[in-house]
C-alpha atoms as a PDB file:
ATOM      1  CA  MET A   1       0.817   5.003   0.789  1.00  0.00           C
ATOM      2  CA  ARG A   2       2.085   8.406  -0.303  1.00  0.00           C
ATOM      3  CA  ARG A   3       4.669   8.491  -3.012  1.00  0.00           C
ATOM      4  CA  LEU A   4       7.352  10.917  -3.895  1.00  0.00           C
ATOM      5  CA  LEU A   5       8.683   9.139  -6.897  1.00  0.00           C
ATOM      6  CA  LEU A   6      11.783   9.891  -8.910  1.00  0.00           C
ATOM      7  CA  ALA A   7      12.979  12.025  -6.035  1.00  0.00           C
ATOM      8  CA  ALA A   8      16.296  10.257  -6.319  1.00  0.00           C
ATOM      9  CA  PRO A   9      18.587  11.990  -8.766  1.00  0.00           C
ATOM     10  CA  ILE A  10      18.916  10.517 -12.206  1.00  0.00           C
ATOM     11  CA  TRP A  11      22.404  11.206 -13.539  1.00  0.00           C
ATOM     12  CA  VAL A  12      22.604  11.719 -17.244  1.00  0.00           C
ATOM     13  CA  ALA A  13      25.843  12.333 -19.106  1.00  0.00           C
ATOM     14  CA  LEU A  14      25.252  14.845 -21.839  1.00  0.00           C
ATOM     15  CA  ALA A  15      27.827  15.503 -24.524  1.00  0.00           C
ATOM     16  CA  GLY A  16      30.112  18.222 -23.162  1.00  0.00           C
ATOM     17  CA  CYS A  17      27.773  19.130 -20.294  1.00  0.00           C
ATOM     18  CA  GLY A  18      28.893  16.729 -17.551  1.00  0.00           C
ATOM     19  CA  PRO A  19      26.538  14.967 -15.177  1.00  0.00           C
ATOM     20  CA  ARG A  20      23.198  16.391 -14.142  1.00  0.00           C
ATOM     21  CA  ALA A  21      20.519  15.368 -11.692  1.00  0.00           C
ATOM     22  CA  LEU A  22      16.859  15.640 -12.666  1.00  0.00           C
ATOM     23  CA  VAL A  23      14.244  15.233  -9.926  1.00  0.00           C
ATOM     24  CA  VAL A  24      10.487  15.059 -10.600  1.00  0.00           C
ATOM     25  CA  VAL A  25       7.681  14.810  -8.006  1.00  0.00           C
ATOM     26  CA  LEU A  26       4.919  12.439  -9.081  1.00  0.00           C
ATOM     27  CA  PRO A  27       1.359  12.766  -7.790  1.00  0.00           C
ATOM     28  CA  ASN A  28      -0.249  10.388  -5.321  1.00  0.00           C
ATOM     29  CA  PRO A  29      -3.298   8.473  -6.558  1.00  0.00           C
ATOM     30  CA  ASP A  30      -5.536  11.226  -5.118  1.00  0.00           C
ATOM     31  CA  GLY A  31      -3.632  13.938  -7.049  1.00  0.00           C
ATOM     32  CA  SER A  32      -1.745  15.360  -4.051  1.00  0.00           C
ATOM     33  CA  SER A  33       2.007  15.173  -3.598  1.00  0.00           C
ATOM     34  CA  GLY A  34       4.741  15.437  -1.050  1.00  0.00           C
ATOM     35  CA  ALA A  35       7.672  17.822  -1.357  1.00  0.00           C
ATOM     36  CA  VAL A  36      11.422  17.604  -1.820  1.00  0.00           C
ATOM     37  CA  THR A  37      14.216  20.177  -1.935  1.00  0.00           C
ATOM     38  CA  VAL A  38      16.849  19.825  -4.654  1.00  0.00           C
ATOM     39  CA  SER A  39      20.193  21.330  -3.730  1.00  0.00           C
ATOM     40  CA  ASP A  40      23.626  21.446  -5.339  1.00  0.00           C
ATOM     41  CA  GLY A  41      25.756  22.894  -2.562  1.00  0.00           C
ATOM     42  CA  GLY A  42      24.500  26.450  -2.115  1.00  0.00           C
ATOM     43  CA  GLU A  43      21.456  26.835  -4.346  1.00  0.00           C
ATOM     44  CA  SER A  44      18.206  24.958  -3.808  1.00  0.00           C
ATOM     45  CA  VAL A  45      14.724  24.595  -5.313  1.00  0.00           C
ATOM     46  CA  LEU A  46      11.622  23.409  -3.434  1.00  0.00           C
ATOM     47  CA  LEU A  47       9.473  20.973  -5.434  1.00  0.00           C
ATOM     48  CA  ASP A  48       6.094  20.895  -3.699  1.00  0.00           C
ATOM     49  CA  HIS A  49       3.422  20.046  -6.259  1.00  0.00           C
ATOM     50  CA  PRO A  50       2.725  17.260  -8.761  1.00  0.00           C
ATOM     51  CA  TYR A  51       5.187  17.182 -11.651  1.00  0.00           C
ATOM     52  CA  ALA A  52       7.371  19.869 -10.090  1.00  0.00           C
ATOM     53  CA  ALA A  53      10.889  19.300 -11.426  1.00  0.00           C
ATOM     54  CA  GLY A  54      14.370  20.525 -10.628  1.00  0.00           C
ATOM     55  CA  GLU A  55      17.724  20.032 -12.273  1.00  0.00           C
ATOM     56  CA  ALA A  56      21.140  20.229 -10.628  1.00  0.00           C
ATOM     57  CA  SER A  57      23.952  20.710 -13.120  1.00  0.00           C
ATOM     58  CA  GLY A  58      27.289  22.508 -13.114  1.00  0.00           C
ATOM     59  CA  GLY A  59      26.849  23.922  -9.620  1.00  0.00           C
ATOM     60  CA  LYS A  60      23.427  25.425 -10.391  1.00  0.00           C
ATOM     61  CA  VAL A  61      19.935  24.312  -9.477  1.00  0.00           C
ATOM     62  CA  THR A  62      17.017  25.340 -11.660  1.00  0.00           C
ATOM     63  CA  ALA A  63      13.302  24.656 -11.692  1.00  0.00           C
ATOM     64  CA  GLN A  64      12.131  22.792 -14.785  1.00  0.00           C
ATOM     65  CA  SER A  65       8.747  22.313 -16.393  1.00  0.00           C
ATOM     66  CA  SER A  66       7.321  18.818 -16.459  1.00  0.00           C
ATOM     67  CA  ASP A  67       4.080  16.965 -17.102  1.00  0.00           C
ATOM     68  CA  ALA A  68       2.788  13.387 -17.211  1.00  0.00           C
ATOM     69  CA  LYS A  69       3.740  12.923 -20.872  1.00  0.00           C
ATOM     70  CA  GLY A  70       7.304  14.182 -20.344  1.00  0.00           C
ATOM     71  CA  VAL A  71       7.768  11.999 -17.272  1.00  0.00           C
ATOM     72  CA  GLN A  72       6.600   8.958 -19.209  1.00  0.00           C
ATOM     73  CA  LYS A  73       8.993   9.745 -22.040  1.00  0.00           C
ATOM     74  CA  ILE A  74      12.028  10.180 -19.764  1.00  0.00           C
ATOM     75  CA  PHE A  75      11.262   7.683 -17.001  1.00  0.00           C
ATOM     76  CA  GLY A  76       8.876   5.237 -18.696  1.00  0.00           C
ATOM     77  CA  GLY A  77      11.212   2.261 -18.294  1.00  0.00           C
ATOM     78  CA  ALA A  78      11.793   2.938 -14.586  1.00  0.00           C
ATOM     79  CA  LEU A  79       8.071   3.439 -13.968  1.00  0.00           C
ATOM     80  CA  ALA A  80       7.223   0.186 -15.734  1.00  0.00           C
ATOM     81  CA  ALA A  81       9.756  -1.699 -13.591  1.00  0.00           C
ATOM     82  CA  GLN A  82       8.253  -0.569 -10.274  1.00  0.00           C
ATOM     83  CA  PRO A  83       6.662  -3.216  -8.112  1.00  0.00           C
ATOM     84  CA  ILE A  84       2.987  -2.825  -7.343  1.00  0.00           C
ATOM     85  CA  LEU A  85       2.606  -1.092  -3.977  1.00  0.00           C
ATOM     86  CA  PRO A  86       1.147  -3.077  -1.069  1.00  0.00           C
ATOM     87  CA  SER A  87      -2.623  -2.917  -0.606  1.00  0.00           C
ATOM     88  CA  HIS A  88      -4.627  -3.178   2.594  1.00  0.00           C
ATOM     89  CA  TYR A  89      -8.159  -4.511   2.944  1.00  0.00           C
ATOM     90  CA  ARG A  90     -10.590  -4.998   5.797  1.00  0.00           C
ATOM     91  CA  LEU A  91     -13.343  -7.613   5.655  1.00  0.00           C
ATOM     92  CA  TYR A  92     -16.058  -7.818   8.316  1.00  0.00           C
ATOM     93  CA  PHE A  93     -17.788 -10.860   9.795  1.00  0.00           C
ATOM     94  CA  GLU A  94     -21.159 -11.773  11.211  1.00  0.00           C
ATOM     95  CA  TRP A  95     -21.368 -12.074  14.998  1.00  0.00           C
ATOM     96  CA  ASP A  96     -19.672 -15.177  16.459  1.00  0.00           C
ATOM     97  CA  SER A  97     -18.883 -16.732  13.076  1.00  0.00           C
ATOM     98  CA  ASP A  98     -16.458 -16.974  10.187  1.00  0.00           C
ATOM     99  CA  THR A  99     -19.131 -15.814   7.713  1.00  0.00           C
ATOM    100  CA  MET A 100     -18.359 -12.520   5.994  1.00  0.00           C
ATOM    101  CA  THR A 101     -20.982  -9.796   5.892  1.00  0.00           C
ATOM    102  CA  PRO A 102     -22.650  -9.377   2.465  1.00  0.00           C
ATOM    103  CA  LYS A 103     -20.695  -6.162   1.784  1.00  0.00           C
ATOM    104  CA  SER A 104     -17.408  -7.869   2.682  1.00  0.00           C
ATOM    105  CA  ARG A 105     -18.184 -10.821   0.401  1.00  0.00           C
ATOM    106  CA  ARG A 106     -18.297  -8.300  -2.457  1.00  0.00           C
ATOM    107  CA  ARG A 107     -15.113  -6.607  -1.179  1.00  0.00           C
ATOM    108  CA  TYR A 108     -13.347  -9.990  -1.173  1.00  0.00           C
ATOM    109  CA  GLU A 109     -13.456  -9.930  -4.976  1.00  0.00           C
ATOM    110  CA  ALA A 110     -11.279  -6.781  -4.965  1.00  0.00           C
ATOM    111  CA  VAL A 111      -8.740  -8.553  -2.754  1.00  0.00           C
ATOM    112  CA  PHE A 112      -8.626 -11.549  -5.072  1.00  0.00           C
ATOM    113  CA  GLU A 113      -8.303  -9.373  -8.210  1.00  0.00           C
ATOM    114  CA  ASP A 114      -5.496  -7.364  -6.594  1.00  0.00           C
ATOM    115  CA  VAL A 115      -3.518 -10.526  -5.849  1.00  0.00           C
ATOM    116  CA  LYS A 116      -4.061 -11.916  -9.359  1.00  0.00           C
ATOM    117  CA  GLN A 117      -2.498  -8.751 -10.894  1.00  0.00           C
ATOM    118  CA  ARG A 118       0.816  -9.445  -9.216  1.00  0.00           C
ATOM    119  CA  PRO A 119       3.335 -11.777 -10.861  1.00  0.00           C
ATOM    120  CA  VAL A 120       4.686 -12.594  -7.390  1.00  0.00           C
ATOM    121  CA  TYR A 121       2.656 -12.018  -4.237  1.00  0.00           C
ATOM    122  CA  GLN A 122       2.528 -12.454  -0.501  1.00  0.00           C
ATOM    123  CA  VAL A 123      -0.783 -12.227   1.370  1.00  0.00           C
ATOM    124  CA  GLU A 124      -0.974 -11.674   5.116  1.00  0.00           C
ATOM    125  CA  VAL A 125      -4.355 -12.337   6.763  1.00  0.00           C
ATOM    126  CA  VAL A 126      -4.896 -11.318  10.400  1.00  0.00           C
ATOM    127  CA  GLY A 127      -8.153 -12.123  12.164  1.00  0.00           C
ATOM    128  CA  HIS A 128      -9.753 -10.018  14.922  1.00  0.00           C
ATOM    129  CA  THR A 129     -12.817 -10.125  17.178  1.00  0.00           C
ATOM    130  CA  ASP A 130     -14.788  -7.824  19.419  1.00  0.00           C
ATOM    131  CA  THR A 131     -14.543  -8.160  23.207  1.00  0.00           C
ATOM    132  CA  PHE A 132     -17.740 -10.149  23.658  1.00  0.00           C
ATOM    133  CA  GLY A 133     -16.868 -13.547  25.166  1.00  0.00           C
ATOM    134  CA  GLN A 134     -13.757 -15.034  26.700  1.00  0.00           C
ATOM    135  CA  LYS A 135     -10.268 -14.034  25.522  1.00  0.00           C
ATOM    136  CA  LYS A 136      -9.219 -17.577  24.524  1.00  0.00           C
ATOM    137  CA  TYR A 137     -12.460 -18.119  22.605  1.00  0.00           C
ATOM    138  CA  ASN A 138     -11.984 -14.802  20.795  1.00  0.00           C
ATOM    139  CA  HIS A 139      -8.390 -15.628  19.928  1.00  0.00           C
ATOM    140  CA  ASP A 140      -9.472 -18.971  18.472  1.00  0.00           C
ATOM    141  CA  LEU A 141     -12.339 -17.313  16.554  1.00  0.00           C
ATOM    142  CA  SER A 142      -9.987 -14.709  15.075  1.00  0.00           C
ATOM    143  CA  LEU A 143      -7.726 -17.501  13.814  1.00  0.00           C
ATOM    144  CA  VAL A 144     -10.746 -19.342  12.358  1.00  0.00           C
ATOM    145  CA  ARG A 145     -11.727 -16.149  10.473  1.00  0.00           C
ATOM    146  CA  ALA A 146      -8.214 -15.740   9.066  1.00  0.00           C
ATOM    147  CA  ALA A 147      -8.149 -19.412   8.050  1.00  0.00           C
ATOM    148  CA  ALA A 148     -11.543 -19.055   6.332  1.00  0.00           C
ATOM    149  CA  ILE A 149     -10.173 -16.255   4.139  1.00  0.00           C
ATOM    150  CA  ARG A 150      -6.981 -18.206   3.411  1.00  0.00           C
ATOM    151  CA  ASP A 151      -9.015 -21.284   2.469  1.00  0.00           C
ATOM    152  CA  ARG A 152     -11.212 -19.262   0.139  1.00  0.00           C
ATOM    153  CA  LEU A 153      -8.181 -17.673  -1.542  1.00  0.00           C
ATOM    154  CA  VAL A 154      -6.662 -21.126  -2.041  1.00  0.00           C
ATOM    155  CA  ARG A 155      -9.960 -22.519  -3.414  1.00  0.00           C
ATOM    156  CA  ASP A 156      -9.979 -19.599  -5.844  1.00  0.00           C
ATOM    157  CA  GLY A 157      -6.534 -20.584  -7.120  1.00  0.00           C
ATOM    158  CA  LEU A 158      -3.891 -18.822  -5.026  1.00  0.00           C
ATOM    159  CA  ASP A 159      -0.745 -20.547  -3.822  1.00  0.00           C
ATOM    160  CA  PRO A 160      -1.199 -21.577  -0.161  1.00  0.00           C
ATOM    161  CA  ASN A 161       2.541 -21.094   0.430  1.00  0.00           C
ATOM    162  CA  SER A 162       2.144 -17.383  -0.338  1.00  0.00           C
ATOM    163  CA  ILE A 163      -0.514 -16.809   2.334  1.00  0.00           C
ATOM    164  CA  SER A 164       0.200 -16.393   6.040  1.00  0.00           C
ATOM    165  CA  ILE A 165      -2.429 -16.150   8.750  1.00  0.00           C
ATOM    166  CA  ALA A 166      -2.555 -14.989  12.359  1.00  0.00           C
ATOM    167  CA  GLY A 167      -5.221 -14.415  14.993  1.00  0.00           C
ATOM    168  CA  ARG A 168      -5.162 -11.394  17.294  1.00  0.00           C
ATOM    169  CA  GLY A 169      -8.457 -11.999  19.070  1.00  0.00           C
ATOM    170  CA  GLU A 170      -9.644  -8.860  20.816  1.00  0.00           C
ATOM    171  CA  LEU A 171      -6.131  -7.356  21.222  1.00  0.00           C
ATOM    172  CA  ASP A 172      -6.236  -4.727  18.436  1.00  0.00           C
ATOM    173  CA  PRO A 173      -9.749  -3.272  18.258  1.00  0.00           C
ATOM    174  CA  VAL A 174     -10.622  -0.628  15.682  1.00  0.00           C
ATOM    175  CA  VAL A 175     -13.166   0.701  18.173  1.00  0.00           C
ATOM    176  CA  LYS A 176     -12.071   0.502  21.803  1.00  0.00           C
ATOM    177  CA  THR A 177     -14.796  -0.904  24.049  1.00  0.00           C
ATOM    178  CA  ALA A 178     -15.169  -2.340  27.516  1.00  0.00           C
ATOM    179  CA  ASP A 179     -15.008  -6.116  27.960  1.00  0.00           C
ATOM    180  CA  HIS A 180     -17.950  -8.210  26.735  1.00  0.00           C
ATOM    181  CA  VAL A 181     -19.178  -5.636  24.194  1.00  0.00           C
ATOM    182  CA  SER A 182     -20.406  -6.663  20.757  1.00  0.00           C
ATOM    183  CA  GLU A 183     -18.913  -4.243  18.203  1.00  0.00           C
ATOM    184  CA  ALA A 184     -19.336  -5.065  14.497  1.00  0.00           C
ATOM    185  CA  ARG A 185     -16.337  -2.969  13.363  1.00  0.00           C
ATOM    186  CA  ASN A 186     -13.996  -5.100  15.490  1.00  0.00           C
ATOM    187  CA  ARG A 187     -15.169  -8.401  13.947  1.00  0.00           C
ATOM    188  CA  ARG A 188     -12.841  -8.319  10.998  1.00  0.00           C
ATOM    189  CA  VAL A 189      -9.899  -9.671   9.043  1.00  0.00           C
ATOM    190  CA  GLU A 190      -7.114  -7.310   7.974  1.00  0.00           C
ATOM    191  CA  ILE A 191      -5.442  -8.309   4.711  1.00  0.00           C
ATOM    192  CA  THR A 192      -2.167  -6.996   3.354  1.00  0.00           C
ATOM    193  CA  VAL A 193      -1.256  -7.884  -0.223  1.00  0.00           C
ATOM    194  CA  ARG A 194       2.363  -7.392  -1.310  1.00  0.00           C
END
């Protein structure tokens, strides 16, 4: 998920200066950023790179200098109060079973650790299949896969009331195929952690 954080104005009353709005663009995890224009009626400033900042005060808009340390100093409390963003995971399964592939068994640990970081969490598990076999069988198998992940999360200590499951069968393939085609990338469970 891309983030353009602190793009909402922060009004600060300074002695004798009146209100001002300070906007800072924070980087995405990969270092990139979005862009925002700060305007105060007629003047405007485009903020289009990480830590770009603009201030609107007294009818004027000016570009400001900013960096990670300055942002932490000014907005540290707001940053600390942010919820953890949702995460998405994909685990793959062996053909015609609810057994994860070896690589996905290792990936499962990242899912579990992500959930454990959150003071409050909701986990959505949606099972999928390829198109090999009958539609009803595939729907049932997708639900069995989702239930297998839920059961493992519960065995590992998560609250079962915070986990929902669904089965989509062959309805939402990652790789579109004809009917009755075995495709490993479609035999999966999609997990969203909030």
